[in-house]
Amino acid sequence: QGWCRGMSFDVPILVDLIRDIQRLNGVSENELDTFKLEPCKFWNQRDIRTRIEALLLVRDMTTCPLPKGTLDGFVAHDSIHDCAKDILMMKYALRYAMGLEDAPSEEECDPLSLPTKR
């Protein structure tokens, strides 16, 4: 499975990059085919936001409150940090859903795990 935050951003960008590499390697426009080169086929692509919503049973709750200190050192918009944060959110959402752990109160919550206004 391949996980991303929104199906209309990361995956299409990756497919476009694969297509650009094919062009650079001399593949003609009518022979471009990314299917065999894609690391994750469309039927195995999953959305992180939907997973968090489903686990927490709250519509439009696409982030998961993490315990204070969990994201110390986090760098926003760094691809590795963003990926690690999303993995942590899915893991904690599962723990909360299974009753293995209670979600932190607002005072005990890491501020970087709370939704931001756009």
C-alpha atoms as a PDB file:
ATOM      1  CA  GLN A   1       0.000   0.000   0.000  1.00  0.00           C
ATOM      2  CA  GLY A   2       1.015   3.575  -0.598  1.00  0.00           C
ATOM      3  CA  TRP A   3      -0.226   6.228   1.796  1.00  0.00           C
ATOM      4  CA  CYS A   4      -0.473   9.955   1.105  1.00  0.00           C
ATOM      5  CA  ARG A   5      -2.336  12.977   2.426  1.00  0.00           C
ATOM      6  CA  GLY A   6      -4.757  13.546  -0.420  1.00  0.00           C
ATOM      7  CA  MET A   7      -4.951  11.452  -3.555  1.00  0.00           C
ATOM      8  CA  SER A   8      -4.786  14.371  -5.978  1.00  0.00           C
ATOM      9  CA  PHE A   9      -1.359  15.728  -5.023  1.00  0.00           C
ATOM     10  CA  ASP A  10       1.546  13.365  -4.284  1.00  0.00           C
ATOM     11  CA  VAL A  11       0.651  10.463  -6.568  1.00  0.00           C
ATOM     12  CA  PRO A  12      -0.050  12.540  -9.710  1.00  0.00           C
ATOM     13  CA  ILE A  13       3.186  14.483  -9.162  1.00  0.00           C
ATOM     14  CA  LEU A  14       5.109  11.201  -8.920  1.00  0.00           C
ATOM     15  CA  VAL A  15       3.462   9.863 -12.089  1.00  0.00           C
ATOM     16  CA  ASP A  16       4.337  13.097 -13.916  1.00  0.00           C
ATOM     17  CA  LEU A  17       7.970  12.724 -12.815  1.00  0.00           C
ATOM     18  CA  ILE A  18       8.038   9.152 -14.134  1.00  0.00           C
ATOM     19  CA  ARG A  19       6.586  10.396 -17.421  1.00  0.00           C
ATOM     20  CA  ASP A  20       9.202  13.187 -17.608  1.00  0.00           C
ATOM     21  CA  ILE A  21      12.009  10.659 -17.051  1.00  0.00           C
ATOM     22  CA  GLN A  22      10.603   8.497 -19.851  1.00  0.00           C
ATOM     23  CA  ARG A  23      10.642  11.534 -22.164  1.00  0.00           C
ATOM     24  CA  LEU A  24      14.255  12.296 -21.188  1.00  0.00           C
ATOM     25  CA  ASN A  25      15.113   8.684 -22.039  1.00  0.00           C
ATOM     26  CA  GLY A  26      13.723   9.171 -25.543  1.00  0.00           C
ATOM     27  CA  VAL A  27      10.325   7.499 -25.181  1.00  0.00           C
ATOM     28  CA  SER A  28       7.922   9.028 -27.704  1.00  0.00           C
ATOM     29  CA  GLU A  29       4.684  10.652 -26.545  1.00  0.00           C
ATOM     30  CA  ASN A  30       2.474   7.911 -27.973  1.00  0.00           C
ATOM     31  CA  GLU A  31       4.542   5.219 -26.212  1.00  0.00           C
ATOM     32  CA  LEU A  32       4.601   6.814 -22.749  1.00  0.00           C
ATOM     33  CA  ASP A  33       3.386   4.305 -20.174  1.00  0.00           C
ATOM     34  CA  THR A  34       3.940   4.811 -16.454  1.00  0.00           C
ATOM     35  CA  PHE A  35       1.912   1.837 -15.232  1.00  0.00           C
ATOM     36  CA  LYS A  36       4.762  -0.662 -14.869  1.00  0.00           C
ATOM     37  CA  LEU A  37       7.041   1.942 -13.280  1.00  0.00           C
ATOM     38  CA  GLU A  38       4.632   3.243 -10.635  1.00  0.00           C
ATOM     39  CA  PRO A  39       5.712   2.013  -7.182  1.00  0.00           C
ATOM     40  CA  CYS A  40       2.116   1.709  -5.997  1.00  0.00           C
ATOM     41  CA  LYS A  41      -0.788   0.818  -8.273  1.00  0.00           C
ATOM     42  CA  PHE A  42      -4.002   2.832  -7.984  1.00  0.00           C
ATOM     43  CA  TRP A  43      -5.849   0.010  -6.215  1.00  0.00           C
ATOM     44  CA  ASN A  44      -3.303   0.060  -3.382  1.00  0.00           C
ATOM     45  CA  GLN A  45      -3.220   3.831  -2.854  1.00  0.00           C
ATOM     46  CA  ARG A  46      -4.660   4.994   0.470  1.00  0.00           C
ATOM     47  CA  ASP A  47      -5.491   8.405   1.929  1.00  0.00           C
ATOM     48  CA  ILE A  48      -4.227   9.289   5.408  1.00  0.00           C
ATOM     49  CA  ARG A  49      -7.032  11.783   6.082  1.00  0.00           C
ATOM     50  CA  THR A  50      -9.717   9.188   5.391  1.00  0.00           C
ATOM     51  CA  ARG A  51      -7.939   6.670   7.643  1.00  0.00           C
ATOM     52  CA  ILE A  52      -7.789   9.110  10.565  1.00  0.00           C
ATOM     53  CA  GLU A  53     -11.453  10.097  10.095  1.00  0.00           C
ATOM     54  CA  ALA A  54     -12.501   6.444  10.009  1.00  0.00           C
ATOM     55  CA  LEU A  55     -10.544   5.511  13.133  1.00  0.00           C
ATOM     56  CA  LEU A  56     -11.619   8.524  15.201  1.00  0.00           C
ATOM     57  CA  LEU A  57     -15.207   8.435  13.877  1.00  0.00           C
ATOM     58  CA  VAL A  58     -15.243  12.215  13.453  1.00  0.00           C
ATOM     59  CA  ARG A  59     -16.029  13.704  10.049  1.00  0.00           C
ATOM     60  CA  ASP A  60     -13.447  16.251   8.847  1.00  0.00           C
ATOM     61  CA  MET A  61     -11.031  15.407  11.679  1.00  0.00           C
ATOM     62  CA  THR A  62      -8.031  14.766   9.470  1.00  0.00           C
ATOM     63  CA  THR A  63      -5.353  15.183  12.110  1.00  0.00           C
ATOM     64  CA  CYS A  64      -4.913  13.231  15.306  1.00  0.00           C
ATOM     65  CA  PRO A  65      -3.998  14.804  18.658  1.00  0.00           C
ATOM     66  CA  LEU A  66      -0.596  13.556  19.761  1.00  0.00           C
ATOM     67  CA  PRO A  67       0.849  13.697  23.286  1.00  0.00           C
ATOM     68  CA  LYS A  68       2.877  16.830  24.045  1.00  0.00           C
ATOM     69  CA  GLY A  69       6.503  16.414  23.046  1.00  0.00           C
ATOM     70  CA  THR A  70       5.851  13.794  20.371  1.00  0.00           C
ATOM     71  CA  LEU A  71       6.744  16.228  17.614  1.00  0.00           C
ATOM     72  CA  ASP A  72       9.720  17.941  19.268  1.00  0.00           C
ATOM     73  CA  GLY A  73      12.167  18.826  16.493  1.00  0.00           C
ATOM     74  CA  PHE A  74       9.506  18.476  13.790  1.00  0.00           C
ATOM     75  CA  VAL A  75      10.188  20.487  10.612  1.00  0.00           C
ATOM     76  CA  ALA A  76       7.018  21.361   8.689  1.00  0.00           C
ATOM     77  CA  HIS A  77       7.048  20.734   4.930  1.00  0.00           C
ATOM     78  CA  ASP A  78      10.123  18.517   5.163  1.00  0.00           C
ATOM     79  CA  SER A  79       9.013  15.373   3.326  1.00  0.00           C
ATOM     80  CA  ILE A  80      10.582  12.943   5.815  1.00  0.00           C
ATOM     81  CA  HIS A  81       9.187  14.811   8.832  1.00  0.00           C
ATOM     82  CA  ASP A  82       5.724  15.129   7.237  1.00  0.00           C
ATOM     83  CA  CYS A  83       5.710  11.400   6.478  1.00  0.00           C
ATOM     84  CA  ALA A  84       6.789  10.505  10.027  1.00  0.00           C
ATOM     85  CA  LYS A  85       4.107  12.798  11.481  1.00  0.00           C
ATOM     86  CA  ASP A  86       1.390  11.151   9.367  1.00  0.00           C
ATOM     87  CA  ILE A  87       2.554   7.674  10.425  1.00  0.00           C
ATOM     88  CA  LEU A  88       2.452   8.733  14.079  1.00  0.00           C
ATOM     89  CA  MET A  89      -1.042  10.172  13.623  1.00  0.00           C
ATOM     90  CA  MET A  90      -2.335   6.947  12.080  1.00  0.00           C
ATOM     91  CA  LYS A  91      -0.701   4.828  14.816  1.00  0.00           C
ATOM     92  CA  TYR A  92      -2.071   6.985  17.641  1.00  0.00           C
ATOM     93  CA  ALA A  93      -5.542   7.149  16.024  1.00  0.00           C
ATOM     94  CA  LEU A  94      -5.555   3.334  15.955  1.00  0.00           C
ATOM     95  CA  ARG A  95      -4.457   3.165  19.615  1.00  0.00           C
ATOM     96  CA  TYR A  96      -7.238   5.587  20.615  1.00  0.00           C
ATOM     97  CA  ALA A  97      -9.814   3.679  18.539  1.00  0.00           C
ATOM     98  CA  MET A  98      -8.838   0.354  20.127  1.00  0.00           C
ATOM     99  CA  GLY A  99      -8.985   1.812  23.634  1.00  0.00           C
ATOM    100  CA  LEU A 100      -5.293   1.137  24.250  1.00  0.00           C
ATOM    101  CA  GLU A 101      -4.688   4.767  25.125  1.00  0.00           C
ATOM    102  CA  ASP A 102      -6.786   7.872  25.793  1.00  0.00           C
ATOM    103  CA  ALA A 103      -6.385  10.884  23.545  1.00  0.00           C
ATOM    104  CA  PRO A 104      -4.548  13.710  25.304  1.00  0.00           C
ATOM    105  CA  SER A 105      -6.471  16.669  26.695  1.00  0.00           C
ATOM    106  CA  GLU A 106      -5.987  20.005  24.971  1.00  0.00           C
ATOM    107  CA  GLU A 107      -3.376  20.970  27.589  1.00  0.00           C
ATOM    108  CA  GLU A 108      -1.489  17.672  27.109  1.00  0.00           C
ATOM    109  CA  CYS A 109      -1.643  17.813  23.314  1.00  0.00           C
ATOM    110  CA  ASP A 110       1.334  18.595  21.094  1.00  0.00           C
ATOM    111  CA  PRO A 111       0.398  21.902  19.394  1.00  0.00           C
ATOM    112  CA  LEU A 112       1.949  20.758  16.114  1.00  0.00           C
ATOM    113  CA  SER A 113      -0.572  17.920  15.923  1.00  0.00           C
ATOM    114  CA  LEU A 114      -3.582  20.236  16.041  1.00  0.00           C
ATOM    115  CA  PRO A 115      -5.260  21.401  12.832  1.00  0.00           C
ATOM    116  CA  THR A 116      -4.144  24.731  11.415  1.00  0.00           C
ATOM    117  CA  LYS A 117      -6.463  27.278   9.855  1.00  0.00           C
ATOM    118  CA  ARG A 118      -6.043  27.910   6.132  1.00  0.00           C
END
